[in-house]
Amino acid sequence: MSSPALPRRDDEDQPSSADAQRPLAGPVRVRVHGDFVEWLAATGGSLAVTTYTSGKLLLASAPRGELTIRETKFARPMGMAVDGAQLALAIRERLLVFRREANHADSATAIYALVESRATGKLNVHDVAFGRRGIHFANTRYNCVARPSERVNFRRVWTPPFITETAPQDRCHLNGLGMRDGEPAMITAFCATGRKGGWREADRFTSGVMVAIPGGETVARGLCMPHSPRRHEGAWWVCNSGEGTLCRLAEPGVCDPVASLPGFTRGLCFAAGRAIVGLSKIRPEHILDAPPVRDRHGELRAGVALVDLATGRETGSLEFVRGGNEVFETAFLPGIQHATIVAPTDPPPAE
């Protein structure tokens, strides 16, 4: 496959000046397929989804079997993580932490109030995760795993062995972070190189890797723009995004496709026997504009798909037909059927 000319951008998720000036899309419109509503109602929980190019965090639930969706606007929401009563969210140049307020009268209703807003600067934060030592995140601009710092924009935790120079430039597109036993244990990157502009090169559809932490062993190669490494039931799972697949790492070097889906797969969590996989459409004239999934499916979908882990079958989905073309992350809120995120209404104070 020939590679099209690449636009000149610092990273694949950074909007152009025209994008930045364009107003947010209108309210999201959805279409449900299969058993999505029935499954969501049976879980008794809510599903959170970030749609970063349209600037929304969506909360879907189905109390009494009726689908409800709430929207909260943020500036470029991407990585998201849930840990008990806490919810962490990466937005443009900030990391936000919300805490669920106690509601003794109705435990299924929750308000998530902002308790921390920390400046990160232009790190292009992707995945976010809670661990034993607090929040960790994929610092894509500096090609490392990092933690927040009170004195500087970030504290470096781990760097892949192929990154030999500290520079504020996305070189391998380190985007995914997987945790195990409360510690960083796996990353995904578009390539295993520290060369300037390495992730933009012609082999970008076959150069993706999964790399183990802390040793730096490459446990999977030949992936197509991978994202979202997650540990579940004793195995590693990953979105082989450009192929439109959900994969299971069967053994070192072998990523078995479990499900093939009609979208750029990115964003992954698990609940009630399902993998909840984010699906995105692909913008034209973009660094991600021609991966194999586009050739395999006549039309790509945006939204979330439910995959039965026992069979690999897509049992249902929530399709975004307007207002959310690109999903970054999915997260499940157990036991919460009515959730509200209280977003900051005023600009954060200078730090």
Protein backbone atom coordinates (compact mmCIF):
# COMPACT_ATOMS: atom_id res chain seq x y z
CA MET A 1 0.00 0.00 0.00
CA SER A 2 1.40 3.35 -0.97
CA SER A 3 1.52 6.00 1.73
CA PRO A 4 -0.10 9.39 1.12
CA ALA A 5 1.67 12.65 1.82
CA LEU A 6 1.58 13.44 5.51
CA PRO A 7 0.34 16.72 6.96
CA ARG A 8 2.78 18.69 9.08
CA ARG A 9 1.55 18.39 12.63
CA ASP A 10 3.25 17.74 15.94
CA ASP A 11 1.05 14.71 16.60
CA GLU A 12 -1.87 12.83 15.16
CA ASP A 13 -4.41 14.19 17.63
CA GLN A 14 -3.50 17.89 17.55
CA PRO A 15 -6.18 19.88 15.70
CA SER A 16 -5.28 22.30 12.95
CA SER A 17 -5.90 26.01 13.44
CA ALA A 18 -9.16 25.59 11.53
CA ASP A 19 -10.21 22.78 13.88
CA ALA A 20 -9.40 24.91 16.92
CA GLN A 21 -11.60 27.75 15.69
CA ARG A 22 -14.52 25.51 14.71
CA PRO A 23 -17.31 25.44 17.34
CA LEU A 24 -18.08 22.19 19.12
CA ALA A 25 -20.48 19.89 17.31
CA GLY A 26 -24.11 19.90 18.41
CA PRO A 27 -25.67 17.36 20.77
CA VAL A 28 -24.75 13.78 20.07
CA ARG A 29 -27.29 11.64 18.25
CA VAL A 30 -27.07 7.89 18.64
CA ARG A 31 -28.36 4.68 17.16
CA VAL A 32 -28.37 1.42 19.13
CA HIS A 33 -27.72 -2.03 17.73
CA GLY A 34 -28.13 -5.51 19.14
CA ASP A 35 -28.28 -6.00 22.90
CA PHE A 36 -26.58 -2.76 23.93
CA VAL A 37 -29.47 -1.31 25.95
CA GLU A 38 -30.43 -4.64 27.51
CA TRP A 39 -26.82 -5.33 28.48
CA LEU A 40 -26.30 -1.85 29.94
CA ALA A 41 -29.53 -2.05 31.93
CA ALA A 42 -28.57 -5.46 33.33
CA THR A 43 -25.19 -4.17 34.54
CA GLY A 44 -26.81 -1.49 36.72
CA GLY A 45 -23.94 0.83 35.82
CA SER A 46 -22.99 3.62 33.43
CA LEU A 47 -20.60 3.84 30.53
CA ALA A 48 -18.32 6.87 30.13
CA VAL A 49 -16.88 7.75 26.72
CA THR A 50 -14.57 10.56 25.64
CA THR A 51 -14.99 12.00 22.13
CA TYR A 52 -12.01 14.29 21.98
CA THR A 53 -12.40 16.07 18.63
CA SER A 54 -15.96 17.08 19.53
CA GLY A 55 -14.98 17.94 23.10
CA LYS A 56 -17.38 15.75 25.06
CA LEU A 57 -17.51 13.28 27.89
CA LEU A 58 -20.62 11.15 27.43
CA LEU A 59 -22.32 9.15 30.19
CA ALA A 60 -24.69 6.42 29.00
CA SER A 61 -26.99 4.40 31.26
CA ALA A 62 -30.23 2.48 30.92
CA PRO A 63 -32.29 2.62 34.12
CA ARG A 64 -35.54 0.69 33.69
CA GLY A 65 -34.33 -0.31 30.23
CA GLU A 66 -34.47 3.21 28.77
CA LEU A 67 -31.26 4.62 27.32
CA THR A 68 -30.17 8.02 28.65
CA ILE A 69 -27.09 9.98 27.63
CA ARG A 70 -25.60 12.99 29.38
CA GLU A 71 -22.98 15.23 27.81
CA THR A 72 -20.34 17.34 29.51
CA LYS A 73 -18.10 19.59 27.44
CA PHE A 74 -14.33 19.69 27.92
CA ALA A 75 -11.40 20.93 25.85
CA ARG A 76 -10.13 17.83 24.01
CA PRO A 77 -10.94 15.10 26.57
CA MET A 78 -8.83 11.99 25.99
CA GLY A 79 -7.45 9.58 28.61
CA MET A 80 -9.81 8.63 31.42
CA ALA A 81 -9.60 6.27 34.40
CA VAL A 82 -11.91 5.19 37.22
CA ASP A 83 -10.78 4.02 40.66
CA GLY A 84 -13.59 3.58 43.16
CA ALA A 85 -15.06 7.02 43.79
CA GLN A 86 -12.41 8.79 41.69
CA LEU A 87 -12.44 9.64 38.00
CA ALA A 88 -9.38 11.10 36.25
CA LEU A 89 -9.59 12.88 32.91
CA ALA A 90 -6.89 14.31 30.64
CA ILE A 91 -7.93 17.42 28.74
CA ARG A 92 -5.91 19.94 26.79
CA GLU A 93 -2.92 20.94 28.96
CA ARG A 94 -4.60 19.80 32.21
CA LEU A 95 -5.26 16.70 34.27
CA LEU A 96 -8.55 16.73 36.18
CA VAL A 97 -9.59 14.52 39.09
CA PHE A 98 -13.23 14.18 40.15
CA ARG A 99 -14.59 12.50 43.26
CA ARG A 100 -18.01 10.97 43.64
CA GLU A 101 -20.02 12.67 46.35
CA ALA A 102 -21.86 10.39 48.78
CA ASN A 103 -25.59 10.11 48.24
CA HIS A 104 -27.00 7.99 51.03
CA ALA A 105 -30.58 8.41 49.84
CA ASP A 106 -29.90 6.95 46.39
CA SER A 107 -26.64 5.07 45.89
CA ALA A 108 -27.30 4.72 42.15
CA THR A 109 -27.20 8.50 41.71
CA ALA A 110 -23.81 10.18 41.77
CA ILE A 111 -22.35 13.63 41.30
CA TYR A 112 -18.67 13.76 40.41
CA ALA A 113 -17.20 17.01 41.71
CA LEU A 114 -13.85 18.40 40.66
CA VAL A 115 -11.27 18.05 43.44
CA GLU A 116 -8.03 18.61 41.53
CA SER A 117 -7.02 20.49 38.40
CA ARG A 118 -3.34 20.23 37.56
CA ALA A 119 -1.55 21.96 34.71
CA THR A 120 0.47 19.60 32.50
CA GLY A 121 1.43 21.89 29.66
CA LYS A 122 1.63 20.66 26.09
CA LEU A 123 2.42 17.02 26.85
CA ASN A 124 -0.28 15.56 24.60
CA VAL A 125 -1.37 13.23 27.42
CA HIS A 126 -3.05 10.08 26.09
CA ASP A 127 -3.86 7.16 28.44
CA VAL A 128 -4.40 7.86 32.14
CA ALA A 129 -4.37 5.26 34.94
CA PHE A 130 -4.58 5.04 38.72
CA GLY A 131 -1.85 3.09 40.48
CA ARG A 132 -0.36 2.49 43.90
CA ARG A 133 1.58 5.74 43.68
CA GLY A 134 -1.28 7.78 42.29
CA ILE A 135 -2.01 8.78 38.73
CA HIS A 136 0.21 7.73 35.83
CA PHE A 137 -0.13 8.79 32.22
CA ALA A 138 1.26 8.32 28.74
CA ASN A 139 3.33 11.43 28.07
CA THR A 140 3.28 11.27 24.29
CA ARG A 141 5.24 14.43 23.57
CA TYR A 142 8.17 13.27 25.75
CA ASN A 143 7.94 9.56 24.80
CA CYS A 144 7.62 8.30 28.37
CA VAL A 145 5.36 7.19 31.19
CA ALA A 146 4.97 9.97 33.73
CA ARG A 147 3.23 11.11 36.90
CA PRO A 148 1.94 14.56 37.86
CA SER A 149 4.31 16.81 39.77
CA GLU A 150 3.63 19.78 42.02
CA ARG A 151 6.79 21.60 40.92
CA VAL A 152 7.01 20.88 37.19
CA ASN A 153 4.64 19.66 34.48
CA PHE A 154 5.49 15.99 34.98
CA ARG A 155 7.74 13.51 36.72
CA ARG A 156 9.27 10.89 34.44
CA VAL A 157 8.62 7.29 35.58
CA TRP A 158 9.83 5.13 32.68
CA THR A 159 11.21 5.55 29.16
CA PRO A 160 11.44 2.86 26.46
CA PRO A 161 14.99 1.66 25.78
CA PHE A 162 14.87 2.88 22.18
CA ILE A 163 14.37 6.49 23.35
CA THR A 164 17.88 7.72 24.08
CA GLU A 165 17.31 11.45 24.07
CA THR A 166 15.01 13.63 26.16
CA ALA A 167 13.32 15.99 23.76
CA PRO A 168 9.87 17.61 23.65
CA GLN A 169 9.00 15.84 20.41
CA ASP A 170 6.75 12.87 19.74
CA ARG A 171 9.12 10.31 18.19
CA CYS A 172 7.52 6.88 18.72
CA HIS A 173 3.96 7.98 19.55
CA LEU A 174 3.80 6.29 22.93
CA ASN A 175 0.06 6.44 23.56
CA GLY A 176 -1.20 3.45 25.57
CA LEU A 177 -0.54 2.54 29.21
CA GLY A 178 -1.55 -0.71 30.88
CA MET A 179 -1.32 -1.35 34.62
CA ARG A 180 -0.78 -4.58 36.53
CA ASP A 181 -1.03 -4.88 40.32
CA GLY A 182 -1.06 -1.11 40.63
CA GLU A 183 2.12 -0.53 38.62
CA PRO A 184 2.80 0.45 34.98
CA ALA A 185 3.35 -2.80 33.08
CA MET A 186 2.79 -2.25 29.34
CA ILE A 187 2.82 0.50 26.74
CA THR A 188 1.81 0.73 23.12
CA ALA A 189 3.66 2.85 20.55
CA PHE A 190 3.46 3.32 16.82
CA CYS A 191 7.11 2.31 16.40
CA ALA A 192 10.21 1.29 18.34
CA THR A 193 12.46 4.12 17.28
CA GLY A 194 13.87 7.30 18.78
CA ARG A 195 14.40 8.97 15.45
CA LYS A 196 12.87 12.35 14.89
CA GLY A 197 9.60 11.82 13.04
CA GLY A 198 10.03 8.04 13.22
CA TRP A 199 6.35 7.27 13.76
CA ARG A 200 5.39 9.10 10.56
CA GLU A 201 7.49 6.95 8.26
CA ALA A 202 6.19 4.76 5.43
CA ASP A 203 5.95 1.58 7.52
CA ARG A 204 3.64 3.17 10.09
CA PHE A 205 0.94 0.58 9.33
CA THR A 206 3.17 -2.33 10.40
CA SER A 207 5.64 -0.80 12.90
CA GLY A 208 3.44 -0.75 16.03
CA VAL A 209 4.70 -2.40 19.23
CA MET A 210 3.75 -3.46 22.73
CA VAL A 211 6.60 -3.00 25.21
CA ALA A 212 6.75 -4.44 28.72
CA ILE A 213 7.63 -2.35 31.77
CA PRO A 214 10.08 -2.21 33.49
CA GLY A 215 12.41 -4.40 31.42
CA GLY A 216 11.66 -2.85 28.05
CA GLU A 217 11.10 -6.12 26.20
CA THR A 218 9.10 -5.79 22.99
CA VAL A 219 6.39 -8.42 23.42
CA ALA A 220 4.52 -7.75 20.17
CA ARG A 221 5.58 -6.28 16.83
CA GLY A 222 3.99 -5.65 13.45
CA LEU A 223 0.92 -3.93 14.87
CA CYS A 224 -1.00 -1.19 13.07
CA MET A 225 -1.19 1.95 15.20
CA PRO A 226 -2.00 0.11 18.48
CA HIS A 227 -3.73 1.68 21.49
CA SER A 228 -5.24 0.78 24.86
CA PRO A 229 -3.25 -2.14 26.36
CA ARG A 230 -5.34 -3.58 29.18
CA ARG A 231 -4.89 -6.47 31.61
CA HIS A 232 -8.00 -8.59 32.07
CA GLU A 233 -8.49 -12.07 33.50
CA GLY A 234 -4.81 -12.91 33.41
CA ALA A 235 -4.14 -11.77 29.84
CA TRP A 236 -3.16 -8.66 27.93
CA TRP A 237 -5.61 -7.19 25.45
CA VAL A 238 -4.94 -4.43 22.94
CA CYS A 239 -6.70 -2.46 20.22
CA ASN A 240 -4.85 -3.04 16.95
CA SER A 241 -6.43 0.20 15.87
CA GLY A 242 -5.54 0.50 12.20
CA GLU A 243 -6.73 -3.05 11.57
CA GLY A 244 -9.99 -2.38 13.39
CA THR A 245 -9.47 -5.35 15.69
CA LEU A 246 -9.46 -6.27 19.36
CA CYS A 247 -6.57 -8.62 20.09
CA ARG A 248 -5.41 -10.86 22.93
CA LEU A 249 -1.71 -11.38 23.57
CA ALA A 250 -1.66 -15.19 23.54
CA GLU A 251 2.09 -15.43 24.14
CA PRO A 252 5.05 -13.14 23.56
CA GLY A 253 5.05 -12.12 19.92
CA VAL A 254 1.56 -13.43 19.15
CA CYS A 255 -1.45 -11.09 19.15
CA ASP A 256 -4.56 -13.08 18.25
CA PRO A 257 -7.43 -11.06 16.75
CA VAL A 258 -10.56 -11.77 18.81
CA ALA A 259 -12.96 -9.42 17.03
CA SER A 260 -12.91 -7.41 13.81
CA LEU A 261 -14.94 -4.20 14.03
CA PRO A 262 -15.98 -1.49 11.53
CA GLY A 263 -13.95 1.35 13.02
CA PHE A 264 -10.55 2.53 14.20
CA THR A 265 -10.48 0.68 17.53
CA ARG A 266 -9.27 2.82 20.46
CA GLY A 267 -10.48 2.88 24.05
CA LEU A 268 -11.03 -0.35 25.97
CA CYS A 269 -12.55 -1.52 29.24
CA PHE A 270 -14.32 -4.64 30.47
CA ALA A 271 -17.59 -5.24 32.32
CA ALA A 272 -20.16 -8.01 32.70
CA GLY A 273 -18.60 -10.43 30.23
CA ARG A 274 -18.03 -7.85 27.51
CA ALA A 275 -15.14 -5.87 26.14
CA ILE A 276 -16.29 -2.29 25.55
CA VAL A 277 -14.33 -1.05 22.54
CA GLY A 278 -14.29 2.51 21.23
CA LEU A 279 -14.78 2.97 17.47
CA SER A 280 -13.75 6.00 15.45
CA LYS A 281 -14.10 7.29 11.94
CA ILE A 282 -10.96 8.67 10.30
CA ARG A 283 -10.48 12.22 9.11
CA PRO A 284 -9.32 12.63 5.49
CA GLU A 285 -5.87 14.12 4.84
CA HIS A 286 -4.68 12.98 8.24
CA ILE A 287 -1.73 10.97 9.54
CA LEU A 288 -4.14 8.07 10.23
CA ASP A 289 -6.03 8.43 6.98
CA ALA A 290 -5.46 5.12 5.16
CA PRO A 291 -5.09 2.15 7.52
CA PRO A 292 -6.25 -1.34 6.47
CA VAL A 293 -9.57 -1.07 8.34
CA ARG A 294 -10.72 1.49 5.79
CA ASP A 295 -10.18 -0.97 2.94
CA ARG A 296 -11.90 -3.79 4.83
CA HIS A 297 -15.14 -1.93 5.58
CA GLY A 298 -17.06 0.25 3.16
CA GLU A 299 -18.10 2.67 5.88
CA LEU A 300 -16.59 3.08 9.33
CA ARG A 301 -18.66 3.67 12.48
CA ALA A 302 -18.05 5.85 15.50
CA GLY A 303 -19.24 4.85 18.96
CA VAL A 304 -18.68 1.83 21.18
CA ALA A 305 -19.01 -1.88 20.45
CA LEU A 306 -19.73 -4.72 22.87
CA VAL A 307 -17.67 -7.84 22.28
CA ASP A 308 -18.53 -11.14 23.95
CA LEU A 309 -15.21 -12.38 25.31
CA ALA A 310 -16.31 -16.01 25.14
CA THR A 311 -17.14 -15.96 21.43
CA GLY A 312 -15.47 -12.84 20.01
CA ARG A 313 -18.85 -11.81 18.60
CA GLU A 314 -20.05 -8.20 18.55
CA THR A 315 -23.35 -8.44 20.40
CA GLY A 316 -24.35 -4.79 20.31
CA SER A 317 -23.17 -1.23 19.89
CA LEU A 318 -23.94 2.41 20.50
CA GLU A 319 -23.35 4.27 17.25
CA PHE A 320 -22.75 8.02 17.18
CA VAL A 321 -24.49 9.31 14.08
CA ARG A 322 -23.83 12.96 14.92
CA GLY A 323 -21.68 14.88 17.37
CA GLY A 324 -18.89 12.37 18.07
CA ASN A 325 -16.78 10.98 15.24
CA GLU A 326 -13.67 10.02 17.22
CA VAL A 327 -13.63 8.08 20.48
CA PHE A 328 -10.52 7.97 22.62
CA GLU A 329 -11.47 6.15 25.82
CA THR A 330 -14.21 4.09 27.46
CA ALA A 331 -14.69 3.48 31.20
CA PHE A 332 -17.35 1.70 33.23
CA LEU A 333 -18.94 3.09 36.40
CA PRO A 334 -20.34 0.11 38.34
CA GLY A 335 -23.53 0.60 40.33
CA ILE A 336 -24.12 4.15 39.04
CA GLN A 337 -27.22 4.66 36.90
CA HIS A 338 -27.54 8.44 37.14
CA ALA A 339 -24.17 10.22 36.96
CA THR A 340 -23.38 13.90 36.60
CA ILE A 341 -19.93 15.35 35.99
CA VAL A 342 -19.58 18.88 37.38
CA ALA A 343 -17.22 20.52 34.91
CA PRO A 344 -15.29 23.68 35.86
CA THR A 345 -17.19 26.74 34.60
CA ASP A 346 -14.36 29.24 34.92
CA PRO A 347 -10.82 29.14 33.53
CA PRO A 348 -8.44 27.49 36.02
CA PRO A 349 -6.20 29.86 37.97
CA ALA A 350 -2.69 30.49 36.65
CA GLU A 351 -0.03 28.28 38.20
